[in-house]
Amino acid sequence: MFTETLVEAITSDPGFKGGNYSSNEEVKAGMLRHAKMWAVMGWSTEFFQQGRPKALGFASMDEFINNFMMTYFAPMDPNALLTMAWKWQRGDVSRHTGGDLRAALQRIKAKTFVMPISTDMFFPPADCQAEWRLIPDAEFRPIESIDGHLALFGVDANAIAQLDKHLSDLLATNV
C-alpha cells in the first residue's frame, strides 16, 4: 500500500502527463508529496520525538522537508522512482518456488548477514528475524539507529559504522 501511495503522489500531479513530462520541475508538486510520504515512513517516530531534524540543523519541519527531503528527491526522474516502486512491489523471491518463501530462502548458498535497522517501519527487525531463520548459516546483525529506514542516508554516523563493520566482517568470511 505504501508504494502505491508513493506512485499516486507522483502520477496524480497534473504535470506528470502520463509520464510524458519534459522536466522534473513539471512534477514538482507530486515530488514534494512523494518526499513528504518518505519523511513520514522512512524515518522513525523516535527520529522526530528526539528532535533529529533540529539536531541536523533544520529550524523547522518545513525547512527539513524542503531543504533535506525535497532536495534529495527533486533531481530524481519521476518515472525512475515509479520503476523503483514497481520493483519493490514485485520483489518476491518466493515466485521462483511457487510462492514458498521457506523454500526460496533455503536455496541461498552465499554467506548472508540480515541487517535490519532497529526502527525501520518497512522492514521491522521482527519480520527480518523470521526470514533470517529460514536462510542457512545466516547471521542476524541488526543496526541500532533511531533514523528508521533512512538511516541508510548516512546522517547517523553510528549506524554507518555498524553497517561498515558488518559488511567488513561479511566480506572477510571464507566460504
N, C-alpha and C. Protein backbone atom coordinates (compact mmCIF):
# COMPACT_ATOMS: atom_id res chain seq x y z
N MET A 1 0.82 -1.19 0.00
CA MET A 1 0.00 0.00 0.00
C MET A 1 0.86 1.25 0.00
N PHE A 2 1.97 1.20 0.76
CA PHE A 2 2.82 2.38 0.82
C PHE A 2 3.38 2.73 -0.55
N THR A 3 3.88 1.73 -1.26
CA THR A 3 4.43 2.04 -2.58
C THR A 3 3.36 2.57 -3.52
N GLU A 4 2.14 2.08 -3.35
CA GLU A 4 1.05 2.58 -4.19
C GLU A 4 0.79 4.07 -3.90
N THR A 5 0.88 4.48 -2.64
CA THR A 5 0.69 5.90 -2.32
C THR A 5 1.84 6.74 -2.86
N LEU A 6 3.05 6.17 -2.88
CA LEU A 6 4.18 6.89 -3.47
C LEU A 6 3.94 7.10 -4.97
N VAL A 7 3.44 6.07 -5.61
CA VAL A 7 3.13 6.16 -7.04
C VAL A 7 2.05 7.22 -7.27
N GLU A 8 0.98 7.17 -6.49
CA GLU A 8 -0.11 8.13 -6.65
C GLU A 8 0.34 9.56 -6.37
N ALA A 9 1.26 9.74 -5.45
CA ALA A 9 1.76 11.09 -5.16
C ALA A 9 2.35 11.72 -6.41
N ILE A 10 3.04 10.92 -7.19
CA ILE A 10 3.68 11.43 -8.41
C ILE A 10 2.68 11.50 -9.57
N THR A 11 1.98 10.40 -9.80
CA THR A 11 1.13 10.32 -11.00
C THR A 11 -0.10 11.21 -10.93
N SER A 12 -0.51 11.61 -9.72
CA SER A 12 -1.68 12.49 -9.59
C SER A 12 -1.34 13.95 -9.88
N ASP A 13 -0.07 14.27 -9.99
CA ASP A 13 0.33 15.63 -10.33
C ASP A 13 -0.04 15.88 -11.80
N PRO A 14 -0.83 16.92 -12.09
CA PRO A 14 -1.19 17.19 -13.50
C PRO A 14 0.04 17.34 -14.40
N GLY A 15 1.15 17.78 -13.84
CA GLY A 15 2.38 17.95 -14.62
C GLY A 15 3.01 16.63 -15.02
N PHE A 16 2.58 15.53 -14.42
CA PHE A 16 3.13 14.22 -14.76
C PHE A 16 2.78 13.82 -16.19
N LYS A 17 1.58 14.20 -16.62
CA LYS A 17 1.13 13.99 -18.01
C LYS A 17 1.32 12.55 -18.47
N GLY A 18 0.91 11.60 -17.62
CA GLY A 18 1.02 10.20 -18.01
C GLY A 18 2.44 9.73 -18.21
N GLY A 19 3.39 10.44 -17.61
CA GLY A 19 4.81 10.08 -17.74
C GLY A 19 5.52 10.81 -18.86
N ASN A 20 4.80 11.72 -19.54
CA ASN A 20 5.37 12.43 -20.68
C ASN A 20 5.73 13.87 -20.35
N TYR A 21 6.22 14.12 -19.15
CA TYR A 21 6.68 15.45 -18.75
C TYR A 21 8.02 15.71 -19.43
N SER A 22 8.39 16.97 -19.54
CA SER A 22 9.68 17.28 -20.18
C SER A 22 10.78 17.56 -19.17
N SER A 23 10.41 17.82 -17.91
CA SER A 23 11.42 18.00 -16.88
C SER A 23 10.82 17.66 -15.51
N ASN A 24 11.68 17.35 -14.57
CA ASN A 24 11.24 17.06 -13.20
C ASN A 24 10.46 18.22 -12.61
N GLU A 25 10.81 19.43 -13.01
CA GLU A 25 10.17 20.63 -12.48
C GLU A 25 8.66 20.62 -12.73
N GLU A 26 8.23 19.99 -13.81
CA GLU A 26 6.80 19.92 -14.12
C GLU A 26 6.04 19.05 -13.12
N VAL A 27 6.76 18.19 -12.42
CA VAL A 27 6.14 17.25 -11.48
C VAL A 27 6.53 17.61 -10.04
N LYS A 28 6.85 18.89 -9.84
CA LYS A 28 7.36 19.33 -8.53
C LYS A 28 6.37 19.07 -7.40
N ALA A 29 5.09 19.34 -7.60
CA ALA A 29 4.11 19.13 -6.53
C ALA A 29 4.01 17.64 -6.17
N GLY A 30 4.03 16.78 -7.17
CA GLY A 30 3.98 15.34 -6.93
C GLY A 30 5.24 14.84 -6.23
N MET A 31 6.37 15.40 -6.62
CA MET A 31 7.63 15.01 -6.00
C MET A 31 7.68 15.47 -4.54
N LEU A 32 7.09 16.63 -4.25
CA LEU A 32 7.03 17.10 -2.86
C LEU A 32 6.14 16.18 -2.03
N ARG A 33 5.00 15.77 -2.57
CA ARG A 33 4.15 14.81 -1.86
C ARG A 33 4.90 13.50 -1.62
N HIS A 34 5.64 13.06 -2.61
CA HIS A 34 6.45 11.84 -2.52
C HIS A 34 7.48 11.99 -1.38
N ALA A 35 8.16 13.11 -1.37
CA ALA A 35 9.18 13.38 -0.33
C ALA A 35 8.56 13.40 1.06
N LYS A 36 7.38 14.00 1.18
CA LYS A 36 6.70 14.06 2.48
C LYS A 36 6.31 12.66 2.96
N MET A 37 5.86 11.82 2.06
CA MET A 37 5.49 10.46 2.47
C MET A 37 6.71 9.67 2.91
N TRP A 38 7.83 9.89 2.25
CA TRP A 38 9.06 9.25 2.69
C TRP A 38 9.47 9.78 4.06
N ALA A 39 9.24 11.05 4.30
CA ALA A 39 9.57 11.62 5.61
C ALA A 39 8.74 10.95 6.71
N VAL A 40 7.48 10.68 6.43
CA VAL A 40 6.59 10.07 7.42
C VAL A 40 7.00 8.64 7.72
N MET A 41 7.26 7.84 6.71
CA MET A 41 7.52 6.42 6.92
C MET A 41 8.99 6.03 6.89
N GLY A 42 9.80 6.81 6.21
CA GLY A 42 11.21 6.46 6.08
C GLY A 42 12.00 6.67 7.36
N TRP A 43 11.66 7.72 8.06
CA TRP A 43 12.27 7.98 9.37
C TRP A 43 11.38 7.29 10.41
N SER A 44 11.85 7.18 11.62
CA SER A 44 11.05 6.55 12.67
C SER A 44 10.34 7.62 13.50
N THR A 45 9.38 7.20 14.29
CA THR A 45 8.73 8.14 15.20
C THR A 45 9.75 8.67 16.21
N GLU A 46 10.68 7.82 16.62
CA GLU A 46 11.73 8.25 17.56
C GLU A 46 12.60 9.35 16.96
N PHE A 47 12.84 9.28 15.66
CA PHE A 47 13.61 10.29 14.95
C PHE A 47 13.02 11.68 15.19
N PHE A 48 11.69 11.76 15.08
CA PHE A 48 11.03 13.04 15.27
C PHE A 48 10.86 13.37 16.76
N GLN A 49 10.52 12.38 17.57
CA GLN A 49 10.34 12.62 19.01
C GLN A 49 11.62 13.14 19.65
N GLN A 50 12.76 12.67 19.17
CA GLN A 50 14.03 13.09 19.76
C GLN A 50 14.65 14.30 19.06
N GLY A 51 13.89 14.93 18.18
CA GLY A 51 14.33 16.18 17.57
C GLY A 51 15.49 16.05 16.61
N ARG A 52 15.60 14.94 15.91
CA ARG A 52 16.72 14.75 14.99
C ARG A 52 16.77 15.80 13.87
N PRO A 53 15.63 16.21 13.31
CA PRO A 53 15.74 17.25 12.27
C PRO A 53 16.44 18.51 12.79
N LYS A 54 16.10 18.91 14.03
CA LYS A 54 16.76 20.09 14.61
C LYS A 54 18.24 19.82 14.85
N ALA A 55 18.56 18.61 15.32
CA ALA A 55 19.97 18.25 15.56
C ALA A 55 20.77 18.23 14.25
N LEU A 56 20.07 18.00 13.15
CA LEU A 56 20.72 18.01 11.84
C LEU A 56 20.82 19.42 11.25
N GLY A 57 20.32 20.41 12.00
CA GLY A 57 20.48 21.80 11.59
C GLY A 57 19.25 22.44 10.95
N PHE A 58 18.10 21.80 11.06
CA PHE A 58 16.88 22.36 10.46
C PHE A 58 16.02 23.00 11.54
N ALA A 59 15.68 24.26 11.35
CA ALA A 59 14.96 25.02 12.37
C ALA A 59 13.49 24.64 12.48
N SER A 60 12.93 24.08 11.40
CA SER A 60 11.51 23.73 11.41
C SER A 60 11.28 22.48 10.57
N MET A 61 10.11 21.92 10.72
CA MET A 61 9.76 20.75 9.92
C MET A 61 9.67 21.12 8.45
N ASP A 62 9.11 22.29 8.14
CA ASP A 62 9.05 22.73 6.74
C ASP A 62 10.45 22.83 6.13
N GLU A 63 11.38 23.38 6.92
CA GLU A 63 12.75 23.50 6.43
C GLU A 63 13.35 22.11 6.19
N PHE A 64 13.10 21.18 7.09
CA PHE A 64 13.60 19.81 6.93
C PHE A 64 13.02 19.17 5.67
N ILE A 65 11.71 19.30 5.48
CA ILE A 65 11.06 18.71 4.31
C ILE A 65 11.59 19.34 3.03
N ASN A 66 11.62 20.67 2.98
CA ASN A 66 12.02 21.36 1.75
C ASN A 66 13.51 21.31 1.47
N ASN A 67 14.34 21.41 2.51
CA ASN A 67 15.78 21.52 2.30
C ASN A 67 16.54 20.21 2.50
N PHE A 68 15.86 19.18 2.92
CA PHE A 68 16.51 17.88 3.02
C PHE A 68 15.78 16.85 2.16
N MET A 69 14.53 16.59 2.52
CA MET A 69 13.79 15.56 1.79
C MET A 69 13.57 15.94 0.33
N MET A 70 13.06 17.12 0.08
CA MET A 70 12.78 17.53 -1.29
C MET A 70 14.08 17.72 -2.08
N THR A 71 15.10 18.22 -1.43
CA THR A 71 16.39 18.38 -2.10
C THR A 71 16.93 17.03 -2.55
N TYR A 72 16.66 15.99 -1.75
CA TYR A 72 17.10 14.65 -2.12
C TYR A 72 16.31 14.12 -3.32
N PHE A 73 14.98 14.27 -3.29
CA PHE A 73 14.15 13.67 -4.34
C PHE A 73 14.02 14.53 -5.60
N ALA A 74 14.12 15.85 -5.50
CA ALA A 74 13.86 16.74 -6.64
C ALA A 74 14.65 16.41 -7.89
N PRO A 75 15.94 16.07 -7.80
CA PRO A 75 16.67 15.80 -9.04
C PRO A 75 16.37 14.44 -9.67
N MET A 76 15.63 13.60 -8.96
CA MET A 76 15.35 12.26 -9.48
C MET A 76 14.28 12.31 -10.57
N ASP A 77 14.39 11.41 -11.50
CA ASP A 77 13.39 11.31 -12.56
C ASP A 77 12.15 10.63 -11.98
N PRO A 78 10.98 11.26 -12.08
CA PRO A 78 9.76 10.65 -11.54
C PRO A 78 9.48 9.26 -12.10
N ASN A 79 9.73 9.05 -13.39
CA ASN A 79 9.50 7.72 -13.96
C ASN A 79 10.46 6.69 -13.37
N ALA A 80 11.67 7.10 -13.05
CA ALA A 80 12.62 6.18 -12.41
C ALA A 80 12.12 5.79 -11.02
N LEU A 81 11.56 6.75 -10.30
CA LEU A 81 11.00 6.45 -8.97
C LEU A 81 9.83 5.48 -9.09
N LEU A 82 9.02 5.64 -10.12
CA LEU A 82 7.91 4.72 -10.35
C LEU A 82 8.43 3.32 -10.67
N THR A 83 9.52 3.24 -11.40
CA THR A 83 10.12 1.94 -11.70
C THR A 83 10.63 1.28 -10.42
N MET A 84 11.23 2.07 -9.53
CA MET A 84 11.69 1.51 -8.25
C MET A 84 10.52 1.02 -7.41
N ALA A 85 9.42 1.76 -7.42
CA ALA A 85 8.23 1.32 -6.68
C ALA A 85 7.69 0.03 -7.27
N TRP A 86 7.65 -0.06 -8.60
CA TRP A 86 7.20 -1.27 -9.28
C TRP A 86 8.07 -2.46 -8.86
N LYS A 87 9.37 -2.25 -8.83
CA LYS A 87 10.31 -3.30 -8.45
C LYS A 87 10.09 -3.72 -7.00
N TRP A 88 9.87 -2.74 -6.13
CA TRP A 88 9.65 -3.02 -4.71
C TRP A 88 8.38 -3.86 -4.53
N GLN A 89 7.33 -3.51 -5.26
CA GLN A 89 6.06 -4.23 -5.15
C GLN A 89 6.18 -5.67 -5.65
N ARG A 90 7.08 -5.94 -6.54
CA ARG A 90 7.17 -7.25 -7.17
C ARG A 90 8.42 -8.03 -6.78
N GLY A 91 9.21 -7.53 -5.84
CA GLY A 91 10.45 -8.18 -5.44
C GLY A 91 10.22 -9.35 -4.49
N ASP A 92 9.61 -10.39 -4.99
CA ASP A 92 9.25 -11.54 -4.17
C ASP A 92 10.04 -12.76 -4.62
N VAL A 93 11.04 -13.16 -3.84
CA VAL A 93 11.86 -14.30 -4.22
C VAL A 93 11.07 -15.60 -4.23
N SER A 94 9.94 -15.65 -3.55
CA SER A 94 9.18 -16.89 -3.50
C SER A 94 8.48 -17.21 -4.82
N ARG A 95 8.46 -16.26 -5.73
CA ARG A 95 7.83 -16.56 -7.02
C ARG A 95 8.62 -17.63 -7.78
N HIS A 96 9.88 -17.84 -7.39
CA HIS A 96 10.72 -18.85 -8.03
C HIS A 96 10.48 -20.24 -7.45
N THR A 97 9.73 -20.31 -6.37
CA THR A 97 9.47 -21.59 -5.71
C THR A 97 7.97 -21.79 -5.50
N GLY A 98 7.18 -21.31 -6.42
CA GLY A 98 5.74 -21.49 -6.35
C GLY A 98 5.10 -20.82 -5.15
N GLY A 99 5.69 -19.72 -4.68
CA GLY A 99 5.13 -18.99 -3.54
C GLY A 99 5.62 -19.48 -2.19
N ASP A 100 6.56 -20.41 -2.17
CA ASP A 100 7.07 -20.98 -0.92
C ASP A 100 8.32 -20.19 -0.47
N LEU A 101 8.12 -19.22 0.43
CA LEU A 101 9.23 -18.38 0.89
C LEU A 101 10.30 -19.21 1.57
N ARG A 102 9.90 -20.16 2.40
CA ARG A 102 10.87 -21.02 3.09
C ARG A 102 11.78 -21.71 2.07
N ALA A 103 11.19 -22.30 1.05
CA ALA A 103 11.99 -22.99 0.03
C ALA A 103 12.92 -22.03 -0.70
N ALA A 104 12.42 -20.84 -0.99
CA ALA A 104 13.25 -19.85 -1.70
C ALA A 104 14.45 -19.43 -0.86
N LEU A 105 14.21 -19.11 0.41
CA LEU A 105 15.30 -18.64 1.26
C LEU A 105 16.27 -19.76 1.61
N GLN A 106 15.80 -20.98 1.67
CA GLN A 106 16.69 -22.10 1.98
C GLN A 106 17.60 -22.44 0.81
N ARG A 107 17.32 -21.90 -0.36
CA ARG A 107 18.19 -22.11 -1.53
C ARG A 107 19.41 -21.21 -1.50
N ILE A 108 19.44 -20.21 -0.63
CA ILE A 108 20.57 -19.27 -0.59
C ILE A 108 21.83 -20.00 -0.14
N LYS A 109 22.87 -19.89 -0.93
CA LYS A 109 24.15 -20.55 -0.62
C LYS A 109 25.21 -19.55 -0.14
N ALA A 110 25.05 -18.29 -0.48
CA ALA A 110 26.04 -17.27 -0.12
C ALA A 110 25.98 -16.99 1.38
N LYS A 111 27.10 -16.65 1.94
CA LYS A 111 27.13 -16.20 3.34
C LYS A 111 26.25 -14.96 3.41
N THR A 112 25.34 -14.93 4.36
CA THR A 112 24.34 -13.87 4.42
C THR A 112 24.28 -13.27 5.81
N PHE A 113 24.31 -11.95 5.87
CA PHE A 113 24.03 -11.22 7.10
C PHE A 113 22.70 -10.50 6.88
N VAL A 114 21.75 -10.69 7.74
CA VAL A 114 20.49 -9.96 7.71
C VAL A 114 20.66 -8.79 8.66
N MET A 115 20.57 -7.56 8.11
CA MET A 115 20.91 -6.36 8.88
C MET A 115 19.77 -5.34 8.89
N PRO A 116 18.70 -5.63 9.58
CA PRO A 116 17.61 -4.64 9.66
C PRO A 116 18.01 -3.46 10.54
N ILE A 117 17.40 -2.35 10.29
CA ILE A 117 17.61 -1.17 11.14
C ILE A 117 16.56 -1.25 12.25
N SER A 118 16.97 -1.05 13.46
CA SER A 118 16.13 -1.30 14.64
C SER A 118 14.78 -0.60 14.61
N THR A 119 14.68 0.55 13.98
CA THR A 119 13.42 1.30 13.95
C THR A 119 12.83 1.40 12.55
N ASP A 120 13.24 0.53 11.65
CA ASP A 120 12.74 0.55 10.27
C ASP A 120 11.28 0.12 10.24
N MET A 121 10.42 0.99 9.73
CA MET A 121 9.00 0.66 9.66
C MET A 121 8.65 -0.15 8.42
N PHE A 122 9.53 -0.19 7.42
CA PHE A 122 9.28 -1.00 6.23
C PHE A 122 9.69 -2.45 6.46
N PHE A 123 10.84 -2.63 7.06
CA PHE A 123 11.40 -3.96 7.30
C PHE A 123 11.74 -4.10 8.78
N PRO A 124 10.71 -4.23 9.62
CA PRO A 124 10.95 -4.32 11.07
C PRO A 124 11.83 -5.51 11.41
N PRO A 125 12.70 -5.35 12.40
CA PRO A 125 13.58 -6.45 12.78
C PRO A 125 12.86 -7.77 13.05
N ALA A 126 11.68 -7.73 13.64
CA ALA A 126 10.96 -8.98 13.91
C ALA A 126 10.62 -9.71 12.61
N ASP A 127 10.23 -8.97 11.57
CA ASP A 127 9.95 -9.59 10.28
C ASP A 127 11.23 -10.16 9.68
N CYS A 128 12.29 -9.38 9.76
CA CYS A 128 13.58 -9.82 9.21
C CYS A 128 14.12 -11.03 9.97
N GLN A 129 13.88 -11.05 11.26
CA GLN A 129 14.35 -12.17 12.07
C GLN A 129 13.65 -13.47 11.64
N ALA A 130 12.37 -13.39 11.36
CA ALA A 130 11.63 -14.56 10.91
C ALA A 130 12.21 -15.09 9.60
N GLU A 131 12.56 -14.19 8.69
CA GLU A 131 13.14 -14.61 7.41
C GLU A 131 14.57 -15.08 7.58
N TRP A 132 15.33 -14.42 8.46
CA TRP A 132 16.71 -14.81 8.72
C TRP A 132 16.79 -16.27 9.13
N ARG A 133 15.84 -16.70 9.94
CA ARG A 133 15.84 -18.09 10.42
C ARG A 133 15.68 -19.10 9.29
N LEU A 134 15.20 -18.66 8.15
CA LEU A 134 14.98 -19.55 7.02
C LEU A 134 16.20 -19.64 6.10
N ILE A 135 17.21 -18.80 6.32
CA ILE A 135 18.39 -18.76 5.45
C ILE A 135 19.50 -19.59 6.11
N PRO A 136 19.97 -20.62 5.44
CA PRO A 136 21.02 -21.46 6.03
C PRO A 136 22.27 -20.66 6.40
N ASP A 137 22.76 -20.88 7.61
CA ASP A 137 24.01 -20.30 8.10
C ASP A 137 24.06 -18.78 8.06
N ALA A 138 22.92 -18.12 8.03
CA ALA A 138 22.89 -16.65 8.02
C ALA A 138 23.11 -16.13 9.44
N GLU A 139 23.54 -14.88 9.52
CA GLU A 139 23.70 -14.21 10.81
C GLU A 139 22.74 -13.03 10.87
N PHE A 140 22.21 -12.80 12.04
CA PHE A 140 21.30 -11.67 12.28
C PHE A 140 22.10 -10.56 12.93
N ARG A 141 22.25 -9.44 12.24
CA ARG A 141 23.07 -8.33 12.71
C ARG A 141 22.30 -7.02 12.59
N PRO A 142 21.40 -6.75 13.52
CA PRO A 142 20.63 -5.50 13.43
C PRO A 142 21.51 -4.26 13.61
N ILE A 143 21.10 -3.21 12.96
CA ILE A 143 21.75 -1.90 13.05
C ILE A 143 20.91 -1.06 14.01
N GLU A 144 21.51 -0.59 15.08
CA GLU A 144 20.81 0.24 16.05
C GLU A 144 20.82 1.70 15.60
N SER A 145 19.64 2.25 15.38
CA SER A 145 19.52 3.65 14.98
C SER A 145 18.08 4.10 15.16
N ILE A 146 17.89 5.35 15.54
CA ILE A 146 16.55 5.92 15.60
C ILE A 146 16.14 6.52 14.25
N ASP A 147 17.00 6.42 13.26
CA ASP A 147 16.74 7.05 11.96
C ASP A 147 15.87 6.20 11.04
N GLY A 148 15.38 5.07 11.48
CA GLY A 148 14.50 4.26 10.66
C GLY A 148 15.17 3.78 9.38
N HIS A 149 14.37 3.51 8.38
CA HIS A 149 14.88 3.01 7.10
C HIS A 149 15.90 3.99 6.51
N LEU A 150 15.69 5.25 6.72
CA LEU A 150 16.56 6.26 6.12
C LEU A 150 17.87 6.46 6.88
N ALA A 151 18.15 5.59 7.84
CA ALA A 151 19.50 5.58 8.43
C ALA A 151 20.50 5.31 7.32
N LEU A 152 20.05 4.73 6.23
CA LEU A 152 20.91 4.47 5.08
C LEU A 152 21.32 5.75 4.37
N PHE A 153 20.68 6.88 4.71
CA PHE A 153 21.07 8.18 4.15
C PHE A 153 22.43 8.64 4.68
N GLY A 154 22.86 8.06 5.79
CA GLY A 154 24.19 8.38 6.30
C GLY A 154 24.25 9.52 7.29
N VAL A 155 23.12 10.00 7.80
CA VAL A 155 23.17 11.10 8.76
C VAL A 155 23.41 10.60 10.18
N ASP A 156 23.35 9.30 10.40
CA ASP A 156 23.66 8.70 11.70
C ASP A 156 25.00 7.97 11.55
N ALA A 157 26.06 8.63 11.97
CA ALA A 157 27.41 8.07 11.80
C ALA A 157 27.55 6.72 12.50
N ASN A 158 26.88 6.55 13.64
CA ASN A 158 26.95 5.29 14.35
C ASN A 158 26.32 4.16 13.54
N ALA A 159 25.22 4.43 12.89
CA ALA A 159 24.57 3.41 12.04
C ALA A 159 25.49 3.02 10.89
N ILE A 160 26.12 4.00 10.28
CA ILE A 160 27.02 3.72 9.16
C ILE A 160 28.23 2.93 9.64
N ALA A 161 28.74 3.25 10.83
CA ALA A 161 29.87 2.50 11.38
C ALA A 161 29.48 1.04 11.62
N GLN A 162 28.27 0.82 12.14
CA GLN A 162 27.80 -0.56 12.34
C GLN A 162 27.68 -1.29 11.02
N LEU A 163 27.11 -0.63 10.05
CA LEU A 163 26.94 -1.23 8.73
C LEU A 163 28.30 -1.56 8.12
N ASP A 164 29.24 -0.62 8.19
CA ASP A 164 30.59 -0.86 7.67
C ASP A 164 31.25 -2.04 8.35
N LYS A 165 31.09 -2.13 9.66
CA LYS A 165 31.69 -3.25 10.42
C LYS A 165 31.10 -4.57 9.97
N HIS A 166 29.77 -4.63 9.88
CA HIS A 166 29.12 -5.88 9.47
C HIS A 166 29.52 -6.26 8.04
N LEU A 167 29.56 -5.28 7.15
CA LEU A 167 29.94 -5.59 5.78
C LEU A 167 31.41 -6.03 5.69
N SER A 168 32.27 -5.40 6.48
CA SER A 168 33.67 -5.83 6.52
C SER A 168 33.77 -7.26 7.02
N ASP A 169 33.02 -7.58 8.06
CA ASP A 169 33.01 -8.96 8.58
C ASP A 169 32.50 -9.93 7.52
N LEU A 170 31.45 -9.54 6.83
CA LEU A 170 30.89 -10.41 5.80
C LEU A 170 31.89 -10.66 4.69
N LEU A 171 32.52 -9.59 4.23
CA LEU A 171 33.49 -9.72 3.12
C LEU A 171 34.74 -10.47 3.54
N ALA A 172 35.02 -10.51 4.84
CA ALA A 172 36.20 -11.21 5.34
C ALA A 172 35.95 -12.71 5.58
N THR A 173 34.70 -13.13 5.43
CA THR A 173 34.41 -14.54 5.67
C THR A 173 34.95 -15.40 4.55
N ASN A 174 35.41 -16.57 4.91
CA ASN A 174 35.86 -17.56 3.92
C ASN A 174 34.74 -18.56 3.74
N VAL A 175 34.20 -18.57 2.58
CA VAL A 175 33.09 -19.50 2.31
C VAL A 175 33.56 -20.59 1.38
